Amino acid sequence: MAGRRIALKAVDWVAFAERVPPNQKGMFNALKTRSDAISAKLTSLPESPAAIDWSYYKSAVAKAGMVDDFEKKFKALKIPEPVDTQTSAINTQEVEADKDAKAYVEASKARVAEYEAELDKFKNMIPFDQMTVQEFNEAFPETKLDMIKYPYWPHKPIADLV
């Protein structure tokens, strides 16, 4: 049993506490208290149950063969332990989540580089109040007015008004 206890992953309560929202601190503290109580109780238990002294029961029980029958049934008793079917699925999800997180971080670094280049462009341009219309159109071509599509801007053509 101790081998199985060691195999279980320990919870990093400090890292867990950092991710708990302030409005759920009470529930987190209750969970940690309960988990600590269960862990303390499990560690206080012996690794294997105490052995049964069958010879004592054979001498104490008056009915012959009853203790032998109980001993035979007890030794034949096998309590099935649940089979772990979810750990492999959880591990694959963890690997996929790690891949997704790394891809997101790389994409974020690329976006940061683009934004820093754009920020440098804005830092190095002339202030808006000192720009001419031509300089503004060169700096921001997407805002340049299309005189072919809108020749009467800001006025609408007479044909559109009717």
C-alpha atoms as a PDB file:
ATOM      1  CA  MET A   1       0.000   0.000   0.000  1.00  0.00           C
ATOM      2  CA  ALA A   2       2.869   2.402   0.748  1.00  0.00           C
ATOM      3  CA  GLY A   3       4.173   1.810  -2.754  1.00  0.00           C
ATOM      4  CA  ARG A   4       0.822   2.917  -4.109  1.00  0.00           C
ATOM      5  CA  ARG A   5       0.786   5.893  -1.774  1.00  0.00           C
ATOM      6  CA  ILE A   6       4.142   7.053  -3.076  1.00  0.00           C
ATOM      7  CA  ALA A   7       3.014   6.592  -6.660  1.00  0.00           C
ATOM      8  CA  LEU A   8       0.186   9.081  -6.185  1.00  0.00           C
ATOM      9  CA  LYS A   9       1.029  12.608  -7.254  1.00  0.00           C
ATOM     10  CA  ALA A  10       1.355  15.139  -4.487  1.00  0.00           C
ATOM     11  CA  VAL A  11      -0.696  18.307  -4.844  1.00  0.00           C
ATOM     12  CA  ASP A  12       1.278  21.527  -5.093  1.00  0.00           C
ATOM     13  CA  TRP A  13      -0.937  23.593  -2.817  1.00  0.00           C
ATOM     14  CA  VAL A  14       1.060  26.804  -3.265  1.00  0.00           C
ATOM     15  CA  ALA A  15       0.680  26.737  -7.043  1.00  0.00           C
ATOM     16  CA  PHE A  16      -2.967  25.727  -6.625  1.00  0.00           C
ATOM     17  CA  ALA A  17      -3.611  28.631  -4.227  1.00  0.00           C
ATOM     18  CA  GLU A  18      -2.146  31.127  -6.719  1.00  0.00           C
ATOM     19  CA  ARG A  19      -4.801  30.163  -9.267  1.00  0.00           C
ATOM     20  CA  VAL A  20      -7.786  30.324  -6.914  1.00  0.00           C
ATOM     21  CA  PRO A  21      -9.936  33.442  -7.346  1.00  0.00           C
ATOM     22  CA  PRO A  22     -10.421  35.570  -4.214  1.00  0.00           C
ATOM     23  CA  ASN A  23     -14.132  34.773  -4.008  1.00  0.00           C
ATOM     24  CA  GLN A  24     -13.348  31.017  -3.775  1.00  0.00           C
ATOM     25  CA  LYS A  25     -10.636  31.138  -1.076  1.00  0.00           C
ATOM     26  CA  GLY A  26     -13.033  29.729   1.529  1.00  0.00           C
ATOM     27  CA  MET A  27     -13.859  26.696  -0.613  1.00  0.00           C
ATOM     28  CA  PHE A  28     -10.151  26.218  -1.346  1.00  0.00           C
ATOM     29  CA  ASN A  29      -9.267  26.295   2.367  1.00  0.00           C
ATOM     30  CA  ALA A  30     -12.033  23.770   3.109  1.00  0.00           C
ATOM     31  CA  LEU A  31     -10.740  21.481   0.355  1.00  0.00           C
ATOM     32  CA  LYS A  32      -7.164  21.721   1.629  1.00  0.00           C
ATOM     33  CA  THR A  33      -8.233  21.048   5.226  1.00  0.00           C
ATOM     34  CA  ARG A  34     -10.255  18.011   4.184  1.00  0.00           C
ATOM     35  CA  SER A  35      -7.454  16.714   1.964  1.00  0.00           C
ATOM     36  CA  ASP A  36      -4.911  17.123   4.770  1.00  0.00           C
ATOM     37  CA  ALA A  37      -7.209  15.271   7.192  1.00  0.00           C
ATOM     38  CA  ILE A  38      -7.662  12.378   4.755  1.00  0.00           C
ATOM     39  CA  SER A  39      -3.913  12.239   4.056  1.00  0.00           C
ATOM     40  CA  ALA A  40      -3.132  12.188   7.780  1.00  0.00           C
ATOM     41  CA  LYS A  41      -5.639   9.391   8.338  1.00  0.00           C
ATOM     42  CA  LEU A  42      -4.207   7.345   5.447  1.00  0.00           C
ATOM     43  CA  THR A  43      -0.638   7.728   6.665  1.00  0.00           C
ATOM     44  CA  SER A  44      -1.646   6.666  10.176  1.00  0.00           C
ATOM     45  CA  LEU A  45      -3.012   3.351   8.889  1.00  0.00           C
ATOM     46  CA  PRO A  46      -0.656   0.363   8.673  1.00  0.00           C
ATOM     47  CA  GLU A  47       0.489  -0.710   5.228  1.00  0.00           C
ATOM     48  CA  SER A  48      -1.133  -4.114   5.517  1.00  0.00           C
ATOM     49  CA  PRO A  49      -3.956  -5.197   7.844  1.00  0.00           C
ATOM     50  CA  ALA A  50      -3.138  -7.093  11.005  1.00  0.00           C
ATOM     51  CA  ALA A  51      -2.810 -10.837  10.490  1.00  0.00           C
ATOM     52  CA  ILE A  52      -5.631 -12.992  11.856  1.00  0.00           C
ATOM     53  CA  ASP A  53      -4.618 -15.503  14.523  1.00  0.00           C
ATOM     54  CA  TRP A  54      -6.629 -18.491  13.307  1.00  0.00           C
ATOM     55  CA  SER A  55      -5.193 -20.824  15.965  1.00  0.00           C
ATOM     56  CA  TYR A  56      -6.663 -18.627  18.721  1.00  0.00           C
ATOM     57  CA  TYR A  57     -10.121 -18.749  17.103  1.00  0.00           C
ATOM     58  CA  LYS A  58      -9.864 -22.532  16.634  1.00  0.00           C
ATOM     59  CA  SER A  59      -9.263 -22.933  20.367  1.00  0.00           C
ATOM     60  CA  ALA A  60     -11.937 -20.354  21.347  1.00  0.00           C
ATOM     61  CA  VAL A  61     -14.809 -21.396  19.043  1.00  0.00           C
ATOM     62  CA  ALA A  62     -16.665 -24.502  20.200  1.00  0.00           C
ATOM     63  CA  LYS A  63     -18.100 -25.593  16.848  1.00  0.00           C
ATOM     64  CA  ALA A  64     -15.543 -27.689  15.005  1.00  0.00           C
ATOM     65  CA  GLY A  65     -14.792 -26.824  11.386  1.00  0.00           C
ATOM     66  CA  MET A  66     -16.395 -23.395  11.532  1.00  0.00           C
ATOM     67  CA  VAL A  67     -13.090 -21.505  11.858  1.00  0.00           C
ATOM     68  CA  ASP A  68     -11.501 -23.697   9.140  1.00  0.00           C
ATOM     69  CA  ASP A  69     -14.391 -22.825   6.840  1.00  0.00           C
ATOM     70  CA  PHE A  70     -14.021 -19.090   7.624  1.00  0.00           C
ATOM     71  CA  GLU A  71     -10.267 -19.282   7.097  1.00  0.00           C
ATOM     72  CA  LYS A  72     -10.700 -20.996   3.716  1.00  0.00           C
ATOM     73  CA  LYS A  73     -13.300 -18.438   2.606  1.00  0.00           C
ATOM     74  CA  PHE A  74     -11.190 -15.540   3.880  1.00  0.00           C
ATOM     75  CA  LYS A  75      -8.115 -16.679   1.958  1.00  0.00           C
ATOM     76  CA  ALA A  76     -10.212 -17.221  -1.175  1.00  0.00           C
ATOM     77  CA  LEU A  77     -11.695 -13.736  -0.908  1.00  0.00           C
ATOM     78  CA  LYS A  78     -10.264 -11.391  -3.515  1.00  0.00           C
ATOM     79  CA  ILE A  79     -11.474  -7.825  -3.407  1.00  0.00           C
ATOM     80  CA  PRO A  80     -11.225  -6.346  -6.884  1.00  0.00           C
ATOM     81  CA  GLU A  81      -9.465  -3.037  -7.171  1.00  0.00           C
ATOM     82  CA  PRO A  82     -10.831  -0.620  -9.712  1.00  0.00           C
ATOM     83  CA  VAL A  83      -8.919  -0.549 -12.973  1.00  0.00           C
ATOM     84  CA  ASP A  84      -7.461   2.813 -13.924  1.00  0.00           C
ATOM     85  CA  THR A  85      -8.915   3.639 -17.315  1.00  0.00           C
ATOM     86  CA  GLN A  86      -8.600   7.413 -17.284  1.00  0.00           C
ATOM     87  CA  THR A  87      -4.923   8.110 -16.581  1.00  0.00           C
ATOM     88  CA  SER A  88      -3.826   7.443 -20.152  1.00  0.00           C
ATOM     89  CA  ALA A  89      -6.577   9.703 -21.517  1.00  0.00           C
ATOM     90  CA  ILE A  90      -5.640  12.430 -19.057  1.00  0.00           C
ATOM     91  CA  ASN A  91      -1.955  12.109 -19.967  1.00  0.00           C
ATOM     92  CA  THR A  92      -2.731  12.445 -23.681  1.00  0.00           C
ATOM     93  CA  GLN A  93      -4.898  15.487 -22.954  1.00  0.00           C
ATOM     94  CA  GLU A  94      -2.045  16.964 -20.944  1.00  0.00           C
ATOM     95  CA  VAL A  95       0.398  16.421 -23.812  1.00  0.00           C
ATOM     96  CA  GLU A  96      -2.045  18.009 -26.270  1.00  0.00           C
ATOM     97  CA  ALA A  97      -2.630  20.941 -23.919  1.00  0.00           C
ATOM     98  CA  ASP A  98       1.133  21.442 -23.612  1.00  0.00           C
ATOM     99  CA  LYS A  99       1.467  21.454 -27.409  1.00  0.00           C
ATOM    100  CA  ASP A 100      -1.400  23.935 -27.724  1.00  0.00           C
ATOM    101  CA  ALA A 101       0.106  26.153 -25.037  1.00  0.00           C
ATOM    102  CA  LYS A 102       3.531  26.123 -26.719  1.00  0.00           C
ATOM    103  CA  ALA A 103       1.952  26.947 -30.088  1.00  0.00           C
ATOM    104  CA  TYR A 104       0.001  29.793 -28.476  1.00  0.00           C
ATOM    105  CA  VAL A 105       3.146  31.148 -26.835  1.00  0.00           C
ATOM    106  CA  GLU A 106       5.024  31.070 -30.152  1.00  0.00           C
ATOM    107  CA  ALA A 107       2.132  32.801 -31.935  1.00  0.00           C
ATOM    108  CA  SER A 108       1.985  35.367 -29.141  1.00  0.00           C
ATOM    109  CA  LYS A 109       5.701  36.061 -29.478  1.00  0.00           C
ATOM    110  CA  ALA A 110       5.190  36.638 -33.206  1.00  0.00           C
ATOM    111  CA  ARG A 111       2.287  39.014 -32.494  1.00  0.00           C
ATOM    112  CA  VAL A 112       4.385  40.867 -29.917  1.00  0.00           C
ATOM    113  CA  ALA A 113       7.152  41.324 -32.491  1.00  0.00           C
ATOM    114  CA  GLU A 114       4.619  42.706 -35.005  1.00  0.00           C
ATOM    115  CA  TYR A 115       3.149  45.063 -32.429  1.00  0.00           C
ATOM    116  CA  GLU A 116       6.588  46.268 -31.355  1.00  0.00           C
ATOM    117  CA  ALA A 117       7.458  47.029 -34.983  1.00  0.00           C
ATOM    118  CA  GLU A 118       4.192  48.943 -35.337  1.00  0.00           C
ATOM    119  CA  LEU A 119       4.903  50.779 -32.082  1.00  0.00           C
ATOM    120  CA  ASP A 120       8.353  51.763 -33.354  1.00  0.00           C
ATOM    121  CA  LYS A 121       6.689  53.096 -36.511  1.00  0.00           C
ATOM    122  CA  PHE A 122       4.356  55.235 -34.407  1.00  0.00           C
ATOM    123  CA  LYS A 123       7.179  56.462 -32.162  1.00  0.00           C
ATOM    124  CA  ASN A 124       9.289  57.512 -35.156  1.00  0.00           C
ATOM    125  CA  MET A 125       6.587  59.309 -37.174  1.00  0.00           C
ATOM    126  CA  ILE A 126       5.918  63.008 -37.096  1.00  0.00           C
ATOM    127  CA  PRO A 127       3.229  64.130 -34.645  1.00  0.00           C
ATOM    128  CA  PHE A 128      -0.267  64.280 -36.144  1.00  0.00           C
ATOM    129  CA  ASP A 129      -0.658  67.997 -35.593  1.00  0.00           C
ATOM    130  CA  GLN A 130       2.440  68.653 -37.740  1.00  0.00           C
ATOM    131  CA  MET A 131       1.497  66.308 -40.624  1.00  0.00           C
ATOM    132  CA  THR A 132       0.198  67.397 -43.970  1.00  0.00           C
ATOM    133  CA  VAL A 133      -2.603  65.466 -45.666  1.00  0.00           C
ATOM    134  CA  GLN A 134      -0.089  63.838 -48.033  1.00  0.00           C
ATOM    135  CA  GLU A 135       2.146  62.727 -45.118  1.00  0.00           C
ATOM    136  CA  PHE A 136      -0.897  61.369 -43.321  1.00  0.00           C
ATOM    137  CA  ASN A 137      -1.933  59.398 -46.425  1.00  0.00           C
ATOM    138  CA  GLU A 138       1.605  57.998 -46.757  1.00  0.00           C
ATOM    139  CA  ALA A 139       1.683  56.966 -43.101  1.00  0.00           C
ATOM    140  CA  PHE A 140      -1.835  55.465 -43.155  1.00  0.00           C
ATOM    141  CA  PRO A 141      -2.675  54.385 -46.717  1.00  0.00           C
ATOM    142  CA  GLU A 142      -5.741  52.433 -45.550  1.00  0.00           C
ATOM    143  CA  THR A 143      -7.435  55.717 -44.560  1.00  0.00           C
ATOM    144  CA  LYS A 144      -6.684  57.505 -47.829  1.00  0.00           C
ATOM    145  CA  LEU A 145      -9.816  58.763 -49.532  1.00  0.00           C
ATOM    146  CA  ASP A 146     -10.540  57.117 -52.863  1.00  0.00           C
ATOM    147  CA  MET A 147     -11.344  60.093 -55.110  1.00  0.00           C
ATOM    148  CA  ILE A 148     -12.420  57.822 -57.962  1.00  0.00           C
ATOM    149  CA  LYS A 149     -15.005  55.971 -55.892  1.00  0.00           C
ATOM    150  CA  TYR A 150     -16.057  59.052 -53.903  1.00  0.00           C
ATOM    151  CA  PRO A 151     -15.318  62.081 -56.134  1.00  0.00           C
ATOM    152  CA  TYR A 152     -17.631  64.460 -54.254  1.00  0.00           C
ATOM    153  CA  TRP A 153     -16.645  63.565 -50.727  1.00  0.00           C
ATOM    154  CA  PRO A 154     -17.865  64.703 -48.182  1.00  0.00           C
ATOM    155  CA  HIS A 155     -20.872  65.496 -50.369  1.00  0.00           C
ATOM    156  CA  LYS A 156     -22.990  62.886 -52.091  1.00  0.00           C
ATOM    157  CA  PRO A 157     -23.571  63.047 -55.838  1.00  0.00           C
ATOM    158  CA  ILE A 158     -26.927  64.433 -56.917  1.00  0.00           C
ATOM    159  CA  ALA A 159     -27.825  61.087 -58.509  1.00  0.00           C
ATOM    160  CA  ASP A 160     -27.565  59.391 -55.077  1.00  0.00           C
ATOM    161  CA  LEU A 161     -29.856  61.944 -53.453  1.00  0.00           C
ATOM    162  CA  VAL A 162     -32.817  61.254 -55.724  1.00  0.00           C
END
